[in-house]
PDB file of N, CA and C in Angstrom:
ATOM      1  N   UNK A   1     -20.662  13.137 -53.839  1.00  0.00           N
ATOM      2  CA  UNK A   1     -20.540  13.218 -52.397  1.00  0.00           C
ATOM      3  C   UNK A   1     -19.101  12.915 -52.006  1.00  0.00           C
ATOM      4  N   UNK A   2     -18.524  13.798 -51.243  1.00  0.00           N
ATOM      5  CA  UNK A   2     -17.137  13.654 -50.825  1.00  0.00           C
ATOM      6  C   UNK A   2     -17.075  12.844 -49.526  1.00  0.00           C
ATOM      7  N   UNK A   3     -16.202  11.837 -49.497  1.00  0.00           N
ATOM      8  CA  UNK A   3     -16.022  11.030 -48.289  1.00  0.00           C
ATOM      9  C   UNK A   3     -15.002  11.741 -47.407  1.00  0.00           C
ATOM     10  N   UNK A   4     -15.425  12.043 -46.172  1.00  0.00           N
ATOM     11  CA  UNK A   4     -14.519  12.724 -45.240  1.00  0.00           C
ATOM     12  C   UNK A   4     -13.965  11.729 -44.243  1.00  0.00           C
ATOM     13  N   UNK A   5     -12.846  12.074 -43.694  1.00  0.00           N
ATOM     14  CA  UNK A   5     -12.214  11.248 -42.684  1.00  0.00           C
ATOM     15  C   UNK A   5     -13.072  11.290 -41.414  1.00  0.00           C
ATOM     16  N   UNK A   6     -13.351  10.137 -40.839  1.00  0.00           N
ATOM     17  CA  UNK A   6     -14.204  10.062 -39.640  1.00  0.00           C
ATOM     18  C   UNK A   6     -13.578  10.806 -38.463  1.00  0.00           C
ATOM     19  N   UNK A   7     -12.238  10.866 -38.408  1.00  0.00           N
ATOM     20  CA  UNK A   7     -11.580  11.581 -37.319  1.00  0.00           C
ATOM     21  C   UNK A   7     -11.853  13.074 -37.374  1.00  0.00           C
ATOM     22  N   UNK A   8     -12.050  13.604 -38.553  1.00  0.00           N
ATOM     23  CA  UNK A   8     -12.359  15.034 -38.680  1.00  0.00           C
ATOM     24  C   UNK A   8     -13.751  15.346 -38.152  1.00  0.00           C
ATOM     25  N   UNK A   9     -14.620  14.373 -38.134  1.00  0.00           N
ATOM     26  CA  UNK A   9     -15.995  14.596 -37.691  1.00  0.00           C
ATOM     27  C   UNK A   9     -16.138  14.371 -36.174  1.00  0.00           C
ATOM     28  N   UNK A  10     -15.532  13.312 -35.671  1.00  0.00           N
ATOM     29  CA  UNK A  10     -15.777  12.906 -34.288  1.00  0.00           C
ATOM     30  C   UNK A  10     -14.654  13.223 -33.301  1.00  0.00           C
ATOM     31  N   UNK A  11     -13.479  13.564 -33.764  1.00  0.00           N
ATOM     32  CA  UNK A  11     -12.338  13.734 -32.867  1.00  0.00           C
ATOM     33  C   UNK A  11     -12.454  15.012 -32.047  1.00  0.00           C
ATOM     34  N   UNK A  12     -12.105  14.890 -30.776  1.00  0.00           N
ATOM     35  CA  UNK A  12     -12.017  16.041 -29.880  1.00  0.00           C
ATOM     36  C   UNK A  12     -10.591  16.126 -29.367  1.00  0.00           C
ATOM     37  N   UNK A  13     -10.115  17.341 -29.201  1.00  0.00           N
ATOM     38  CA  UNK A  13      -8.791  17.485 -28.620  1.00  0.00           C
ATOM     39  C   UNK A  13      -8.885  17.259 -27.115  1.00  0.00           C
ATOM     40  N   UNK A  14      -7.739  17.001 -26.505  1.00  0.00           N
ATOM     41  CA  UNK A  14      -7.736  16.760 -25.063  1.00  0.00           C
ATOM     42  C   UNK A  14      -8.178  17.993 -24.282  1.00  0.00           C
ATOM     43  N   UNK A  15      -7.885  19.170 -24.774  1.00  0.00           N
ATOM     44  CA  UNK A  15      -8.333  20.381 -24.075  1.00  0.00           C
ATOM     45  C   UNK A  15      -9.848  20.550 -24.180  1.00  0.00           C
ATOM     46  N   UNK A  16     -10.436  20.106 -25.279  1.00  0.00           N
ATOM     47  CA  UNK A  16     -11.896  20.160 -25.402  1.00  0.00           C
ATOM     48  C   UNK A  16     -12.567  19.168 -24.452  1.00  0.00           C
ATOM     49  N   UNK A  17     -11.917  18.048 -24.212  1.00  0.00           N
ATOM     50  CA  UNK A  17     -12.451  17.066 -23.273  1.00  0.00           C
ATOM     51  C   UNK A  17     -12.257  17.554 -21.836  1.00  0.00           C
ATOM     52  N   UNK A  18     -11.234  18.373 -21.610  1.00  0.00           N
ATOM     53  CA  UNK A  18     -10.968  18.900 -20.280  1.00  0.00           C
ATOM     54  C   UNK A  18      -9.855  18.162 -19.561  1.00  0.00           C
ATOM     55  N   UNK A  19      -8.978  17.520 -20.311  1.00  0.00           N
ATOM     56  CA  UNK A  19      -7.865  16.782 -19.721  1.00  0.00           C
ATOM     57  C   UNK A  19      -6.593  17.591 -19.942  1.00  0.00           C
ATOM     58  N   UNK A  20      -5.901  17.914 -18.832  1.00  0.00           N
ATOM     59  CA  UNK A  20      -4.655  18.654 -18.976  1.00  0.00           C
ATOM     60  C   UNK A  20      -3.467  17.711 -18.897  1.00  0.00           C
ATOM     61  N   UNK A  21      -2.255  18.263 -18.983  1.00  0.00           N
ATOM     62  CA  UNK A  21      -1.043  17.438 -19.049  1.00  0.00           C
ATOM     63  C   UNK A  21      -0.851  16.594 -17.794  1.00  0.00           C
ATOM     64  N   UNK A  22      -1.133  17.139 -16.628  1.00  0.00           N
ATOM     65  CA  UNK A  22      -0.966  16.391 -15.377  1.00  0.00           C
ATOM     66  C   UNK A  22      -1.880  15.171 -15.349  1.00  0.00           C
ATOM     67  N   UNK A  23      -3.110  15.338 -15.787  1.00  0.00           N
ATOM     68  CA  UNK A  23      -4.047  14.219 -15.808  1.00  0.00           C
ATOM     69  C   UNK A  23      -3.615  13.144 -16.805  1.00  0.00           C
ATOM     70  N   UNK A  24      -3.055  13.545 -17.923  1.00  0.00           N
ATOM     71  CA  UNK A  24      -2.554  12.579 -18.902  1.00  0.00           C
ATOM     72  C   UNK A  24      -1.405  11.781 -18.303  1.00  0.00           C
ATOM     73  N   UNK A  25      -0.517  12.455 -17.577  1.00  0.00           N
ATOM     74  CA  UNK A  25       0.607  11.772 -16.933  1.00  0.00           C
ATOM     75  C   UNK A  25       0.101  10.788 -15.891  1.00  0.00           C
ATOM     76  N   UNK A  26      -0.860  11.199 -15.062  1.00  0.00           N
ATOM     77  CA  UNK A  26      -1.422  10.316 -14.029  1.00  0.00           C
ATOM     78  C   UNK A  26      -2.103   9.110 -14.671  1.00  0.00           C
ATOM     79  N   UNK A  27      -2.885   9.315 -15.711  1.00  0.00           N
ATOM     80  CA  UNK A  27      -3.549   8.213 -16.415  1.00  0.00           C
ATOM     81  C   UNK A  27      -2.515   7.255 -16.987  1.00  0.00           C
ATOM     82  N   UNK A  28      -1.437   7.787 -17.548  1.00  0.00           N
ATOM     83  CA  UNK A  28      -0.384   6.951 -18.100  1.00  0.00           C
ATOM     84  C   UNK A  28       0.310   6.114 -17.036  1.00  0.00           C
ATOM     85  N   UNK A  29       0.633   6.733 -15.897  1.00  0.00           N
ATOM     86  CA  UNK A  29       1.296   6.002 -14.808  1.00  0.00           C
ATOM     87  C   UNK A  29       0.392   4.910 -14.259  1.00  0.00           C
ATOM     88  N   UNK A  30      -0.864   5.232 -14.014  1.00  0.00           N
ATOM     89  CA  UNK A  30      -1.810   4.243 -13.482  1.00  0.00           C
ATOM     90  C   UNK A  30      -2.031   3.122 -14.490  1.00  0.00           C
ATOM     91  N   UNK A  31      -2.121   3.467 -15.759  1.00  0.00           N
ATOM     92  CA  UNK A  31      -2.313   2.441 -16.791  1.00  0.00           C
ATOM     93  C   UNK A  31      -1.127   1.494 -16.877  1.00  0.00           C
ATOM     94  N   UNK A  32       0.052   1.970 -16.526  1.00  0.00           N
ATOM     95  CA  UNK A  32       1.244   1.130 -16.550  1.00  0.00           C
ATOM     96  C   UNK A  32       1.369   0.297 -15.278  1.00  0.00           C
ATOM     97  N   UNK A  33       1.081   0.883 -14.126  1.00  0.00           N
ATOM     98  CA  UNK A  33       1.296   0.207 -12.838  1.00  0.00           C
ATOM     99  C   UNK A  33       0.168  -0.769 -12.498  1.00  0.00           C
ATOM    100  N   UNK A  34      -1.077  -0.445 -12.807  1.00  0.00           N
ATOM    101  CA  UNK A  34      -2.214  -1.275 -12.396  1.00  0.00           C
ATOM    102  C   UNK A  34      -2.112  -2.719 -12.875  1.00  0.00           C
ATOM    103  N   UNK A  35      -1.851  -2.988 -14.151  1.00  0.00           N
ATOM    104  CA  UNK A  35      -1.783  -4.400 -14.579  1.00  0.00           C
ATOM    105  C   UNK A  35      -0.670  -5.173 -13.873  1.00  0.00           C
ATOM    106  N   UNK A  36       0.454  -4.514 -13.629  1.00  0.00           N
ATOM    107  CA  UNK A  36       1.560  -5.182 -12.944  1.00  0.00           C
ATOM    108  C   UNK A  36       1.151  -5.564 -11.527  1.00  0.00           C
ATOM    109  N   UNK A  37       0.570  -4.623 -10.796  1.00  0.00           N
ATOM    110  CA  UNK A  37       0.143  -4.911  -9.423  1.00  0.00           C
ATOM    111  C   UNK A  37      -1.004  -5.918  -9.385  1.00  0.00           C
ATOM    112  N   UNK A  38      -1.865  -5.891 -10.386  1.00  0.00           N
ATOM    113  CA  UNK A  38      -2.966  -6.844 -10.440  1.00  0.00           C
ATOM    114  C   UNK A  38      -2.444  -8.264 -10.600  1.00  0.00           C
ATOM    115  N   UNK A  39      -1.446  -8.439 -11.460  1.00  0.00           N
ATOM    116  CA  UNK A  39      -0.862  -9.769 -11.657  1.00  0.00           C
ATOM    117  C   UNK A  39      -0.182 -10.253 -10.387  1.00  0.00           C
ATOM    118  N   UNK A  40       0.540  -9.370  -9.716  1.00  0.00           N
ATOM    119  CA  UNK A  40       1.207  -9.749  -8.461  1.00  0.00           C
ATOM    120  C   UNK A  40       0.180 -10.142  -7.413  1.00  0.00           C
ATOM    121  N   UNK A  41      -0.883  -9.375  -7.276  1.00  0.00           N
ATOM    122  CA  UNK A  41      -1.914  -9.680  -6.287  1.00  0.00           C
ATOM    123  C   UNK A  41      -2.653 -10.966  -6.635  1.00  0.00           C
ATOM    124  N   UNK A  42      -2.877 -11.221  -7.900  1.00  0.00           N
ATOM    125  CA  UNK A  42      -3.592 -12.436  -8.313  1.00  0.00           C
ATOM    126  C   UNK A  42      -2.807 -13.691  -7.951  1.00  0.00           C
ATOM    127  N   UNK A  43      -1.504 -13.611  -8.069  1.00  0.00           N
ATOM    128  CA  UNK A  43      -0.674 -14.765  -7.709  1.00  0.00           C
ATOM    129  C   UNK A  43      -0.742 -15.043  -6.216  1.00  0.00           C
ATOM    130  N   UNK A  44      -0.888 -14.006  -5.406  1.00  0.00           N
ATOM    131  CA  UNK A  44      -0.915 -14.179  -3.959  1.00  0.00           C
ATOM    132  C   UNK A  44      -2.294 -14.570  -3.442  1.00  0.00           C
ATOM    133  N   UNK A  45      -3.313 -14.461  -4.253  1.00  0.00           N
ATOM    134  CA  UNK A  45      -4.673 -14.769  -3.813  1.00  0.00           C
ATOM    135  C   UNK A  45      -5.235 -15.994  -4.532  1.00  0.00           C
ATOM    136  N   UNK A  46      -4.404 -16.967  -4.790  1.00  0.00           N
ATOM    137  CA  UNK A  46      -4.897 -18.179  -5.428  1.00  0.00           C
ATOM    138  C   UNK A  46      -5.736 -18.978  -4.429  1.00  0.00           C
ATOM    139  N   UNK A  47      -6.665 -19.747  -4.907  1.00  0.00           N
ATOM    140  CA  UNK A  47      -7.607 -20.449  -4.028  1.00  0.00           C
ATOM    141  C   UNK A  47      -6.912 -21.487  -3.164  1.00  0.00           C
ATOM    142  N   UNK A  48      -5.902 -22.150  -3.682  1.00  0.00           N
ATOM    143  CA  UNK A  48      -5.198 -23.152  -2.873  1.00  0.00           C
ATOM    144  C   UNK A  48      -4.463 -22.492  -1.721  1.00  0.00           C
ATOM    145  N   UNK A  49      -3.852 -21.343  -1.970  1.00  0.00           N
ATOM    146  CA  UNK A  49      -3.139 -20.624  -0.920  1.00  0.00           C
ATOM    147  C   UNK A  49      -4.075 -20.126   0.161  1.00  0.00           C
ATOM    148  N   UNK A  50      -5.214 -19.599  -0.233  1.00  0.00           N
ATOM    149  CA  UNK A  50      -6.187 -19.111   0.743  1.00  0.00           C
ATOM    150  C   UNK A  50      -6.749 -20.277   1.552  1.00  0.00           C
ATOM    151  N   UNK A  51      -7.050 -21.377   0.907  1.00  0.00           N
ATOM    152  CA  UNK A  51      -7.578 -22.546   1.615  1.00  0.00           C
ATOM    153  C   UNK A  51      -6.550 -23.094   2.607  1.00  0.00           C
ATOM    154  N   UNK A  52      -5.283 -23.156   2.190  1.00  0.00           N
ATOM    155  CA  UNK A  52      -4.233 -23.635   3.091  1.00  0.00           C
ATOM    156  C   UNK A  52      -4.096 -22.711   4.289  1.00  0.00           C
ATOM    157  N   UNK A  53      -4.179 -21.399   4.064  1.00  0.00           N
ATOM    158  CA  UNK A  53      -4.109 -20.442   5.166  1.00  0.00           C
ATOM    159  C   UNK A  53      -5.277 -20.628   6.130  1.00  0.00           C
ATOM    160  N   UNK A  54      -6.456 -20.867   5.594  1.00  0.00           N
ATOM    161  CA  UNK A  54      -7.636 -21.057   6.448  1.00  0.00           C
ATOM    162  C   UNK A  54      -7.526 -22.342   7.263  1.00  0.00           C
ATOM    163  N   UNK A  55      -6.923 -23.371   6.710  1.00  0.00           N
ATOM    164  CA  UNK A  55      -6.826 -24.648   7.405  1.00  0.00           C
ATOM    165  C   UNK A  55      -5.690 -24.683   8.434  1.00  0.00           C
ATOM    166  N   UNK A  56      -4.747 -23.747   8.357  1.00  0.00           N
ATOM    167  CA  UNK A  56      -3.669 -23.702   9.342  1.00  0.00           C
ATOM    168  C   UNK A  56      -4.219 -23.406  10.737  1.00  0.00           C
ATOM    169  N   UNK A  57      -5.077 -22.421  10.818  1.00  0.00           N
ATOM    170  CA  UNK A  57      -5.699 -22.031  12.081  1.00  0.00           C
ATOM    171  C   UNK A  57      -7.187 -21.816  11.829  1.00  0.00           C
ATOM    172  N   UNK A  58      -7.953 -22.878  11.780  1.00  0.00           N
ATOM    173  CA  UNK A  58      -9.365 -22.740  11.379  1.00  0.00           C
ATOM    174  C   UNK A  58     -10.215 -21.905  12.344  1.00  0.00           C
ATOM    175  N   UNK A  59      -9.771 -21.717  13.561  1.00  0.00           N
ATOM    176  CA  UNK A  59     -10.558 -20.923  14.515  1.00  0.00           C
ATOM    177  C   UNK A  59     -10.293 -19.434  14.403  1.00  0.00           C
ATOM    178  N   UNK A  60      -9.293 -19.049  13.625  1.00  0.00           N
ATOM    179  CA  UNK A  60      -8.917 -17.645  13.526  1.00  0.00           C
ATOM    180  C   UNK A  60      -9.558 -16.897  12.370  1.00  0.00           C
ATOM    181  N   UNK A  61      -9.958 -17.582  11.329  1.00  0.00           N
ATOM    182  CA  UNK A  61     -10.481 -16.844  10.181  1.00  0.00           C
ATOM    183  C   UNK A  61     -11.923 -16.420  10.401  1.00  0.00           C
ATOM    184  N   UNK A  62     -12.353 -15.424   9.689  1.00  0.00           N
ATOM    185  CA  UNK A  62     -13.613 -14.721   9.932  1.00  0.00           C
ATOM    186  C   UNK A  62     -14.820 -15.658   9.855  1.00  0.00           C
ATOM    187  N   UNK A  63     -14.809 -16.623   8.986  1.00  0.00           N
ATOM    188  CA  UNK A  63     -15.959 -17.503   8.827  1.00  0.00           C
ATOM    189  C   UNK A  63     -16.271 -18.345  10.060  1.00  0.00           C
ATOM    190  N   UNK A  64     -15.315 -18.514  10.933  1.00  0.00           N
ATOM    191  CA  UNK A  64     -15.529 -19.324  12.141  1.00  0.00           C
ATOM    192  C   UNK A  64     -16.013 -18.521  13.335  1.00  0.00           C
ATOM    193  N   UNK A  65     -15.889 -17.218  13.298  1.00  0.00           N
ATOM    194  CA  UNK A  65     -16.246 -16.400  14.474  1.00  0.00           C
ATOM    195  C   UNK A  65     -17.723 -16.127  14.531  1.00  0.00           C
TER     196      UNK A  65
END
């Protein structure tokens, strides 16, 4: 019995999947930008910062209305 490479059995080309060059570029850009923006947003939404903002004007935040 000959052992074959698993990639020869299961691999599909991008054209067989239906992904063209533009979609690959968009996926690449989003994959690069998303983690960076997620880290920036996470730093701005820390619990201490949100709590301090809520306590500055307690009558203005949504939970009080």
